[in-house]
């Protein structure tokens, strides 16, 4: 989570990935470089990637909440679950 302390999360940004090792770093860095004056979270649903995406995601530590799926859910179910887990007042997605 980004922002301060126990403040209510205003925006949840949900990112679904499957074998996006080549692109995920640029995507997350772009989100993290945005200037926001409110608390937000980034949730990534890694849908059983086999190309090293999980290793790239691990380097973001607590700046990004990563959910590494034990089974491939597919795009719609992965995104739906991220929406259910989102804590923000507003939710958006990047697919």
PDB file of N, CA and C in Angstrom:
ATOM      1  N   UNK A   1       0.847  -1.176   0.000  1.00  0.00           N
ATOM      2  CA  UNK A   1       0.000   0.000   0.000  1.00  0.00           C
ATOM      3  C   UNK A   1       0.887   1.232   0.000  1.00  0.00           C
ATOM      4  N   UNK A   2       0.460   2.209  -0.717  1.00  0.00           N
ATOM      5  CA  UNK A   2       1.177   3.471  -0.751  1.00  0.00           C
ATOM      6  C   UNK A   2       0.297   4.519  -0.094  1.00  0.00           C
ATOM      7  N   UNK A   3       0.900   5.428   0.585  1.00  0.00           N
ATOM      8  CA  UNK A   3       0.149   6.423   1.334  1.00  0.00           C
ATOM      9  C   UNK A   3       0.608   6.364   2.767  1.00  0.00           C
ATOM     10  N   UNK A   4      -0.189   6.909   3.667  1.00  0.00           N
ATOM     11  CA  UNK A   4       0.278   6.991   5.043  1.00  0.00           C
ATOM     12  C   UNK A   4      -0.590   6.186   5.995  1.00  0.00           C
ATOM     13  N   UNK A   5       0.061   5.442   6.855  1.00  0.00           N
ATOM     14  CA  UNK A   5      -0.543   4.772   7.992  1.00  0.00           C
ATOM     15  C   UNK A   5      -1.837   4.028   7.749  1.00  0.00           C
ATOM     16  N   UNK A   6      -2.793   4.249   8.637  1.00  0.00           N
ATOM     17  CA  UNK A   6      -4.069   3.550   8.613  1.00  0.00           C
ATOM     18  C   UNK A   6      -5.134   4.309   7.840  1.00  0.00           C
ATOM     19  N   UNK A   7      -4.739   5.203   6.984  1.00  0.00           N
ATOM     20  CA  UNK A   7      -5.676   5.992   6.205  1.00  0.00           C
ATOM     21  C   UNK A   7      -6.445   5.089   5.251  1.00  0.00           C
ATOM     22  N   UNK A   8      -7.703   5.400   5.057  1.00  0.00           N
ATOM     23  CA  UNK A   8      -8.537   4.630   4.140  1.00  0.00           C
ATOM     24  C   UNK A   8      -7.966   4.680   2.723  1.00  0.00           C
ATOM     25  N   UNK A   9      -7.912   3.535   2.089  1.00  0.00           N
ATOM     26  CA  UNK A   9      -7.420   3.468   0.718  1.00  0.00           C
ATOM     27  C   UNK A   9      -8.484   4.051  -0.196  1.00  0.00           C
ATOM     28  N   UNK A  10      -8.083   4.988  -1.015  1.00  0.00           N
ATOM     29  CA  UNK A  10      -9.015   5.643  -1.919  1.00  0.00           C
ATOM     30  C   UNK A  10      -9.117   4.882  -3.234  1.00  0.00           C
ATOM     31  N   UNK A  11      -7.986   4.420  -3.768  1.00  0.00           N
ATOM     32  CA  UNK A  11      -7.974   3.790  -5.080  1.00  0.00           C
ATOM     33  C   UNK A  11      -7.248   2.449  -5.031  1.00  0.00           C
ATOM     34  N   UNK A  12      -7.897   1.436  -5.583  1.00  0.00           N
ATOM     35  CA  UNK A  12      -7.258   0.130  -5.784  1.00  0.00           C
ATOM     36  C   UNK A  12      -7.006  -0.030  -7.275  1.00  0.00           C
ATOM     37  N   UNK A  13      -5.765  -0.341  -7.625  1.00  0.00           N
ATOM     38  CA  UNK A  13      -5.392  -0.571  -9.017  1.00  0.00           C
ATOM     39  C   UNK A  13      -5.110  -2.055  -9.161  1.00  0.00           C
ATOM     40  N   UNK A  14      -5.951  -2.735  -9.923  1.00  0.00           N
ATOM     41  CA  UNK A  14      -5.849  -4.183 -10.107  1.00  0.00           C
ATOM     42  C   UNK A  14      -5.167  -4.477 -11.441  1.00  0.00           C
ATOM     43  N   UNK A  15      -4.136  -5.310 -11.383  1.00  0.00           N
ATOM     44  CA  UNK A  15      -3.374  -5.652 -12.578  1.00  0.00           C
ATOM     45  C   UNK A  15      -3.378  -7.170 -12.729  1.00  0.00           C
ATOM     46  N   UNK A  16      -3.898  -7.655 -13.853  1.00  0.00           N
ATOM     47  CA  UNK A  16      -3.885  -9.092 -14.115  1.00  0.00           C
ATOM     48  C   UNK A  16      -2.732  -9.407 -15.065  1.00  0.00           C
ATOM     49  N   UNK A  17      -1.982 -10.454 -14.732  1.00  0.00           N
ATOM     50  CA  UNK A  17      -0.842 -10.817 -15.580  1.00  0.00           C
ATOM     51  C   UNK A  17      -0.796 -12.317 -15.813  1.00  0.00           C
ATOM     52  N   UNK A  18      -0.339 -12.663 -16.993  1.00  0.00           N
ATOM     53  CA  UNK A  18      -0.027 -14.046 -17.353  1.00  0.00           C
ATOM     54  C   UNK A  18       1.098 -13.986 -18.378  1.00  0.00           C
ATOM     55  N   UNK A  19       2.267 -14.439 -17.972  1.00  0.00           N
ATOM     56  CA  UNK A  19       3.453 -14.417 -18.834  1.00  0.00           C
ATOM     57  C   UNK A  19       3.727 -13.028 -19.418  1.00  0.00           C
ATOM     58  N   UNK A  20       3.770 -12.033 -18.540  1.00  0.00           N
ATOM     59  CA  UNK A  20       4.037 -10.649 -18.941  1.00  0.00           C
ATOM     60  C   UNK A  20       5.387 -10.164 -18.421  1.00  0.00           C
ATOM     61  N   UNK A  21       6.332 -11.071 -18.253  1.00  0.00           N
ATOM     62  CA  UNK A  21       7.645 -10.698 -17.726  1.00  0.00           C
ATOM     63  C   UNK A  21       8.252  -9.523 -18.503  1.00  0.00           C
ATOM     64  N   UNK A  22       8.085  -9.525 -19.783  1.00  0.00           N
ATOM     65  CA  UNK A  22       8.680  -8.499 -20.632  1.00  0.00           C
ATOM     66  C   UNK A  22       8.075  -7.112 -20.392  1.00  0.00           C
ATOM     67  N   UNK A  23       6.837  -7.054 -19.870  1.00  0.00           N
ATOM     68  CA  UNK A  23       6.119  -5.774 -19.776  1.00  0.00           C
ATOM     69  C   UNK A  23       5.773  -5.327 -18.360  1.00  0.00           C
ATOM     70  N   UNK A  24       5.736  -6.244 -17.396  1.00  0.00           N
ATOM     71  CA  UNK A  24       5.170  -5.912 -16.092  1.00  0.00           C
ATOM     72  C   UNK A  24       5.980  -4.867 -15.332  1.00  0.00           C
ATOM     73  N   UNK A  25       7.282  -4.895 -15.485  1.00  0.00           N
ATOM     74  CA  UNK A  25       8.116  -3.919 -14.773  1.00  0.00           C
ATOM     75  C   UNK A  25       7.805  -2.497 -15.246  1.00  0.00           C
ATOM     76  N   UNK A  26       7.723  -2.300 -16.541  1.00  0.00           N
ATOM     77  CA  UNK A  26       7.392  -0.979 -17.077  1.00  0.00           C
ATOM     78  C   UNK A  26       6.008  -0.532 -16.610  1.00  0.00           C
ATOM     79  N   UNK A  27       5.056  -1.453 -16.597  1.00  0.00           N
ATOM     80  CA  UNK A  27       3.700  -1.142 -16.156  1.00  0.00           C
ATOM     81  C   UNK A  27       3.680  -0.695 -14.697  1.00  0.00           C
ATOM     82  N   UNK A  28       4.270  -1.496 -13.813  1.00  0.00           N
ATOM     83  CA  UNK A  28       4.248  -1.165 -12.389  1.00  0.00           C
ATOM     84  C   UNK A  28       5.061   0.087 -12.076  1.00  0.00           C
ATOM     85  N   UNK A  29       6.205   0.241 -12.719  1.00  0.00           N
ATOM     86  CA  UNK A  29       6.998   1.451 -12.502  1.00  0.00           C
ATOM     87  C   UNK A  29       6.223   2.687 -12.930  1.00  0.00           C
ATOM     88  N   UNK A  30       5.481   2.578 -14.011  1.00  0.00           N
ATOM     89  CA  UNK A  30       4.680   3.705 -14.475  1.00  0.00           C
ATOM     90  C   UNK A  30       3.611   4.078 -13.453  1.00  0.00           C
ATOM     91  N   UNK A  31       2.955   3.087 -12.895  1.00  0.00           N
ATOM     92  CA  UNK A  31       1.941   3.356 -11.864  1.00  0.00           C
ATOM     93  C   UNK A  31       2.595   3.995 -10.650  1.00  0.00           C
ATOM     94  N   UNK A  32       3.694   3.405 -10.192  1.00  0.00           N
ATOM     95  CA  UNK A  32       4.363   3.901  -8.986  1.00  0.00           C
ATOM     96  C   UNK A  32       4.946   5.299  -9.163  1.00  0.00           C
ATOM     97  N   UNK A  33       5.225   5.703 -10.380  1.00  0.00           N
ATOM     98  CA  UNK A  33       5.777   7.036 -10.637  1.00  0.00           C
ATOM     99  C   UNK A  33       4.718   8.126 -10.752  1.00  0.00           C
ATOM    100  N   UNK A  34       3.448   7.745 -10.696  1.00  0.00           N
ATOM    101  CA  UNK A  34       2.378   8.743 -10.755  1.00  0.00           C
ATOM    102  C   UNK A  34       2.350   9.538  -9.455  1.00  0.00           C
ATOM    103  N   UNK A  35       2.061  10.801  -9.548  1.00  0.00           N
ATOM    104  CA  UNK A  35       1.931  11.657  -8.373  1.00  0.00           C
ATOM    105  C   UNK A  35       0.481  11.607  -7.889  1.00  0.00           C
ATOM    106  N   UNK A  36       0.262  10.954  -6.765  1.00  0.00           N
ATOM    107  CA  UNK A  36      -1.078  10.861  -6.185  1.00  0.00           C
ATOM    108  C   UNK A  36      -1.013  11.387  -4.765  1.00  0.00           C
ATOM    109  N   UNK A  37      -1.995  12.169  -4.394  1.00  0.00           N
ATOM    110  CA  UNK A  37      -2.003  12.748  -3.053  1.00  0.00           C
ATOM    111  C   UNK A  37      -3.049  12.068  -2.174  1.00  0.00           C
ATOM    112  N   UNK A  38      -3.263  10.783  -2.411  1.00  0.00           N
ATOM    113  CA  UNK A  38      -4.203   9.993  -1.633  1.00  0.00           C
ATOM    114  C   UNK A  38      -3.665   8.568  -1.535  1.00  0.00           C
ATOM    115  N   UNK A  39      -4.103   7.827  -0.518  1.00  0.00           N
ATOM    116  CA  UNK A  39      -3.641   6.451  -0.356  1.00  0.00           C
ATOM    117  C   UNK A  39      -4.215   5.540  -1.441  1.00  0.00           C
ATOM    118  N   UNK A  40      -3.357   4.680  -1.977  1.00  0.00           N
ATOM    119  CA  UNK A  40      -3.790   3.741  -2.997  1.00  0.00           C
ATOM    120  C   UNK A  40      -3.059   2.424  -2.806  1.00  0.00           C
ATOM    121  N   UNK A  41      -3.566   1.402  -3.457  1.00  0.00           N
ATOM    122  CA  UNK A  41      -2.907   0.092  -3.439  1.00  0.00           C
ATOM    123  C   UNK A  41      -2.833  -0.427  -4.862  1.00  0.00           C
ATOM    124  N   UNK A  42      -1.829  -1.257  -5.092  1.00  0.00           N
ATOM    125  CA  UNK A  42      -1.680  -1.953  -6.366  1.00  0.00           C
ATOM    126  C   UNK A  42      -1.747  -3.436  -6.041  1.00  0.00           C
ATOM    127  N   UNK A  43      -2.695  -4.130  -6.681  1.00  0.00           N
ATOM    128  CA  UNK A  43      -2.853  -5.570  -6.489  1.00  0.00           C
ATOM    129  C   UNK A  43      -2.597  -6.254  -7.825  1.00  0.00           C
ATOM    130  N   UNK A  44      -1.692  -7.219  -7.826  1.00  0.00           N
ATOM    131  CA  UNK A  44      -1.374  -7.952  -9.053  1.00  0.00           C
ATOM    132  C   UNK A  44      -1.811  -9.398  -8.891  1.00  0.00           C
ATOM    133  N   UNK A  45      -2.622  -9.876  -9.827  1.00  0.00           N
ATOM    134  CA  UNK A  45      -3.015 -11.278  -9.865  1.00  0.00           C
ATOM    135  C   UNK A  45      -2.184 -11.997 -10.910  1.00  0.00           C
ATOM    136  N   UNK A  46      -1.164 -12.737 -10.470  1.00  0.00           N
ATOM    137  CA  UNK A  46      -0.290 -13.485 -11.373  1.00  0.00           C
ATOM    138  C   UNK A  46      -0.915 -14.852 -11.612  1.00  0.00           C
ATOM    139  N   UNK A  47      -1.413 -15.064 -12.825  1.00  0.00           N
ATOM    140  CA  UNK A  47      -2.218 -16.239 -13.148  1.00  0.00           C
ATOM    141  C   UNK A  47      -1.371 -17.408 -13.653  1.00  0.00           C
ATOM    142  N   UNK A  48      -0.458 -17.892 -12.787  1.00  0.00           N
ATOM    143  CA  UNK A  48       0.403 -19.052 -13.083  1.00  0.00           C
ATOM    144  C   UNK A  48       1.369 -18.796 -14.234  1.00  0.00           C
ATOM    145  N   UNK A  49       1.966 -17.633 -14.264  1.00  0.00           N
ATOM    146  CA  UNK A  49       2.960 -17.339 -15.300  1.00  0.00           C
ATOM    147  C   UNK A  49       4.111 -18.336 -15.230  1.00  0.00           C
ATOM    148  N   UNK A  50       4.647 -18.663 -16.394  1.00  0.00           N
ATOM    149  CA  UNK A  50       5.757 -19.625 -16.464  1.00  0.00           C
ATOM    150  C   UNK A  50       7.022 -19.001 -17.053  1.00  0.00           C
ATOM    151  N   UNK A  51       7.018 -17.686 -17.236  1.00  0.00           N
ATOM    152  CA  UNK A  51       8.126 -17.022 -17.921  1.00  0.00           C
ATOM    153  C   UNK A  51       9.024 -16.191 -17.005  1.00  0.00           C
ATOM    154  N   UNK A  52       8.886 -16.337 -15.691  1.00  0.00           N
ATOM    155  CA  UNK A  52       9.701 -15.551 -14.763  1.00  0.00           C
ATOM    156  C   UNK A  52       9.016 -14.296 -14.258  1.00  0.00           C
ATOM    157  N   UNK A  53       7.752 -14.117 -14.574  1.00  0.00           N
ATOM    158  CA  UNK A  53       7.004 -12.953 -14.089  1.00  0.00           C
ATOM    159  C   UNK A  53       7.029 -12.880 -12.565  1.00  0.00           C
ATOM    160  N   UNK A  54       6.882 -14.020 -11.901  1.00  0.00           N
ATOM    161  CA  UNK A  54       6.852 -14.061 -10.434  1.00  0.00           C
ATOM    162  C   UNK A  54       8.126 -13.468  -9.830  1.00  0.00           C
ATOM    163  N   UNK A  55       9.264 -13.740 -10.425  1.00  0.00           N
ATOM    164  CA  UNK A  55      10.538 -13.214  -9.921  1.00  0.00           C
ATOM    165  C   UNK A  55      10.601 -11.691 -10.076  1.00  0.00           C
ATOM    166  N   UNK A  56      10.093 -11.180 -11.185  1.00  0.00           N
ATOM    167  CA  UNK A  56      10.067  -9.724 -11.391  1.00  0.00           C
ATOM    168  C   UNK A  56       9.165  -9.081 -10.343  1.00  0.00           C
ATOM    169  N   UNK A  57       8.007  -9.671 -10.102  1.00  0.00           N
ATOM    170  CA  UNK A  57       7.051  -9.109  -9.142  1.00  0.00           C
ATOM    171  C   UNK A  57       7.624  -9.099  -7.727  1.00  0.00           C
ATOM    172  N   UNK A  58       8.425 -10.094  -7.381  1.00  0.00           N
ATOM    173  CA  UNK A  58       8.977 -10.205  -6.028  1.00  0.00           C
ATOM    174  C   UNK A  58       9.834  -9.004  -5.650  1.00  0.00           C
ATOM    175  N   UNK A  59      10.442  -8.364  -6.609  1.00  0.00           N
ATOM    176  CA  UNK A  59      11.335  -7.243  -6.290  1.00  0.00           C
ATOM    177  C   UNK A  59      10.585  -5.986  -5.825  1.00  0.00           C
ATOM    178  N   UNK A  60       9.274  -5.963  -5.981  1.00  0.00           N
ATOM    179  CA  UNK A  60       8.498  -4.789  -5.572  1.00  0.00           C
ATOM    180  C   UNK A  60       8.145  -4.804  -4.089  1.00  0.00           C
ATOM    181  N   UNK A  61       8.407  -5.901  -3.412  1.00  0.00           N
ATOM    182  CA  UNK A  61       8.200  -5.976  -1.972  1.00  0.00           C
ATOM    183  C   UNK A  61       6.804  -5.557  -1.565  1.00  0.00           C
ATOM    184  N   UNK A  62       6.725  -4.704  -0.541  1.00  0.00           N
ATOM    185  CA  UNK A  62       5.416  -4.300  -0.018  1.00  0.00           C
ATOM    186  C   UNK A  62       4.794  -3.130  -0.770  1.00  0.00           C
ATOM    187  N   UNK A  63       5.433  -2.663  -1.838  1.00  0.00           N
ATOM    188  CA  UNK A  63       4.832  -1.579  -2.631  1.00  0.00           C
ATOM    189  C   UNK A  63       3.695  -2.095  -3.498  1.00  0.00           C
ATOM    190  N   UNK A  64       3.690  -3.406  -3.748  1.00  0.00           N
ATOM    191  CA  UNK A  64       2.682  -4.047  -4.588  1.00  0.00           C
ATOM    192  C   UNK A  64       2.234  -5.325  -3.890  1.00  0.00           C
ATOM    193  N   UNK A  65       0.924  -5.533  -3.799  1.00  0.00           N
ATOM    194  CA  UNK A  65       0.410  -6.781  -3.236  1.00  0.00           C
ATOM    195  C   UNK A  65       0.259  -7.776  -4.386  1.00  0.00           C
ATOM    196  N   UNK A  66       1.043  -8.835  -4.337  1.00  0.00           N
ATOM    197  CA  UNK A  66       1.040  -9.836  -5.405  1.00  0.00           C
ATOM    198  C   UNK A  66       0.306 -11.079  -4.930  1.00  0.00           C
ATOM    199  N   UNK A  67      -0.591 -11.550  -5.765  1.00  0.00           N
ATOM    200  CA  UNK A  67      -1.291 -12.803  -5.508  1.00  0.00           C
ATOM    201  C   UNK A  67      -0.856 -13.773  -6.607  1.00  0.00           C
ATOM    202  N   UNK A  68      -0.011 -14.721  -6.235  1.00  0.00           N
ATOM    203  CA  UNK A  68       0.447 -15.740  -7.172  1.00  0.00           C
ATOM    204  C   UNK A  68      -0.541 -16.897  -7.130  1.00  0.00           C
ATOM    205  N   UNK A  69      -1.294 -17.056  -8.190  1.00  0.00           N
ATOM    206  CA  UNK A  69      -2.352 -18.075  -8.247  1.00  0.00           C
ATOM    207  C   UNK A  69      -1.741 -19.477  -8.292  1.00  0.00           C
ATOM    208  N   UNK A  70      -2.295 -20.408  -7.492  1.00  0.00           N
ATOM    209  CA  UNK A  70      -1.826 -21.795  -7.555  1.00  0.00           C
ATOM    210  C   UNK A  70      -2.350 -22.519  -8.803  1.00  0.00           C
ATOM    211  N   UNK A  71      -3.485 -22.032  -9.329  1.00  0.00           N
ATOM    212  CA  UNK A  71      -4.090 -22.601 -10.540  1.00  0.00           C
ATOM    213  C   UNK A  71      -4.472 -21.456 -11.463  1.00  0.00           C
ATOM    214  N   UNK A  72      -4.385 -21.701 -12.755  1.00  0.00           N
ATOM    215  CA  UNK A  72      -4.746 -20.673 -13.729  1.00  0.00           C
ATOM    216  C   UNK A  72      -6.249 -20.456 -13.708  1.00  0.00           C
ATOM    217  N   UNK A  73      -6.664 -19.221 -13.425  1.00  0.00           N
ATOM    218  CA  UNK A  73      -8.084 -18.881 -13.345  1.00  0.00           C
ATOM    219  C   UNK A  73      -8.638 -18.359 -14.656  1.00  0.00           C
ATOM    220  N   UNK A  74      -7.783 -17.797 -15.483  1.00  0.00           N
ATOM    221  CA  UNK A  74      -8.248 -17.101 -16.677  1.00  0.00           C
ATOM    222  C   UNK A  74      -8.468 -15.631 -16.347  1.00  0.00           C
ATOM    223  N   UNK A  75      -8.526 -14.831 -17.372  1.00  0.00           N
ATOM    224  CA  UNK A  75      -8.602 -13.378 -17.216  1.00  0.00           C
ATOM    225  C   UNK A  75      -9.778 -12.921 -16.363  1.00  0.00           C
ATOM    226  N   UNK A  76     -10.971 -13.354 -16.696  1.00  0.00           N
ATOM    227  CA  UNK A  76     -12.170 -12.848 -16.016  1.00  0.00           C
ATOM    228  C   UNK A  76     -12.208 -13.228 -14.537  1.00  0.00           C
ATOM    229  N   UNK A  77     -11.957 -14.485 -14.219  1.00  0.00           N
ATOM    230  CA  UNK A  77     -11.991 -14.925 -12.825  1.00  0.00           C
ATOM    231  C   UNK A  77     -10.861 -14.285 -12.015  1.00  0.00           C
ATOM    232  N   UNK A  78      -9.697 -14.118 -12.620  1.00  0.00           N
ATOM    233  CA  UNK A  78      -8.572 -13.471 -11.950  1.00  0.00           C
ATOM    234  C   UNK A  78      -8.931 -12.028 -11.599  1.00  0.00           C
ATOM    235  N   UNK A  79      -9.462 -11.304 -12.562  1.00  0.00           N
ATOM    236  CA  UNK A  79      -9.838  -9.907 -12.324  1.00  0.00           C
ATOM    237  C   UNK A  79     -10.967  -9.800 -11.304  1.00  0.00           C
ATOM    238  N   UNK A  80     -11.955 -10.669 -11.411  1.00  0.00           N
ATOM    239  CA  UNK A  80     -13.077 -10.652 -10.465  1.00  0.00           C
ATOM    240  C   UNK A  80     -12.575 -10.835  -9.034  1.00  0.00           C
ATOM    241  N   UNK A  81     -11.662 -11.791  -8.837  1.00  0.00           N
ATOM    242  CA  UNK A  81     -11.120 -12.012  -7.505  1.00  0.00           C
ATOM    243  C   UNK A  81     -10.337 -10.803  -7.003  1.00  0.00           C
ATOM    244  N   UNK A  82      -9.585 -10.162  -7.883  1.00  0.00           N
ATOM    245  CA  UNK A  82      -8.855  -8.949  -7.473  1.00  0.00           C
ATOM    246  C   UNK A  82      -9.835  -7.872  -7.036  1.00  0.00           C
ATOM    247  N   UNK A  83     -10.939  -7.707  -7.774  1.00  0.00           N
ATOM    248  CA  UNK A  83     -11.957  -6.722  -7.390  1.00  0.00           C
ATOM    249  C   UNK A  83     -12.519  -7.042  -6.005  1.00  0.00           C
ATOM    250  N   UNK A  84     -12.746  -8.310  -5.724  1.00  0.00           N
ATOM    251  CA  UNK A  84     -13.268  -8.697  -4.411  1.00  0.00           C
ATOM    252  C   UNK A  84     -12.272  -8.397  -3.296  1.00  0.00           C
ATOM    253  N   UNK A  85     -10.980  -8.491  -3.596  1.00  0.00           N
ATOM    254  CA  UNK A  85      -9.953  -8.254  -2.583  1.00  0.00           C
ATOM    255  C   UNK A  85      -9.569  -6.781  -2.447  1.00  0.00           C
ATOM    256  N   UNK A  86      -9.997  -5.968  -3.379  1.00  0.00           N
ATOM    257  CA  UNK A  86      -9.638  -4.544  -3.360  1.00  0.00           C
ATOM    258  C   UNK A  86     -10.223  -3.857  -2.131  1.00  0.00           C
ATOM    259  N   UNK A  87      -9.438  -2.978  -1.529  1.00  0.00           N
ATOM    260  CA  UNK A  87      -9.854  -2.267  -0.326  1.00  0.00           C
ATOM    261  C   UNK A  87     -10.210  -0.811  -0.599  1.00  0.00           C
ATOM    262  N   UNK A  88      -9.994  -0.353  -1.817  1.00  0.00           N
ATOM    263  CA  UNK A  88     -10.220   1.050  -2.131  1.00  0.00           C
ATOM    264  C   UNK A  88     -11.681   1.420  -2.303  1.00  0.00           C
ATOM    265  N   UNK A  89     -11.965   2.675  -2.095  1.00  0.00           N
ATOM    266  CA  UNK A  89     -13.304   3.214  -2.343  1.00  0.00           C
ATOM    267  C   UNK A  89     -13.606   3.145  -3.840  1.00  0.00           C
ATOM    268  N   UNK A  90     -12.569   3.330  -4.669  1.00  0.00           N
ATOM    269  CA  UNK A  90     -12.675   3.229  -6.114  1.00  0.00           C
ATOM    270  C   UNK A  90     -11.721   2.140  -6.583  1.00  0.00           C
ATOM    271  N   UNK A  91     -12.119   1.451  -7.654  1.00  0.00           N
ATOM    272  CA  UNK A  91     -11.314   0.351  -8.190  1.00  0.00           C
ATOM    273  C   UNK A  91     -11.185   0.521  -9.691  1.00  0.00           C
ATOM    274  N   UNK A  92      -9.973   0.305 -10.172  1.00  0.00           N
ATOM    275  CA  UNK A  92      -9.732   0.328 -11.615  1.00  0.00           C
ATOM    276  C   UNK A  92      -8.855  -0.864 -11.958  1.00  0.00           C
ATOM    277  N   UNK A  93      -8.774  -1.167 -13.250  1.00  0.00           N
ATOM    278  CA  UNK A  93      -7.933  -2.292 -13.638  1.00  0.00           C
ATOM    279  C   UNK A  93      -7.043  -1.936 -14.813  1.00  0.00           C
ATOM    280  N   UNK A  94      -5.946  -2.672 -14.868  1.00  0.00           N
ATOM    281  CA  UNK A  94      -5.025  -2.614 -15.997  1.00  0.00           C
ATOM    282  C   UNK A  94      -4.811  -4.068 -16.394  1.00  0.00           C
ATOM    283  N   UNK A  95      -5.155  -4.381 -17.624  1.00  0.00           N
ATOM    284  CA  UNK A  95      -5.037  -5.770 -18.089  1.00  0.00           C
ATOM    285  C   UNK A  95      -4.049  -5.881 -19.222  1.00  0.00           C
TER     286      UNK A  95
END
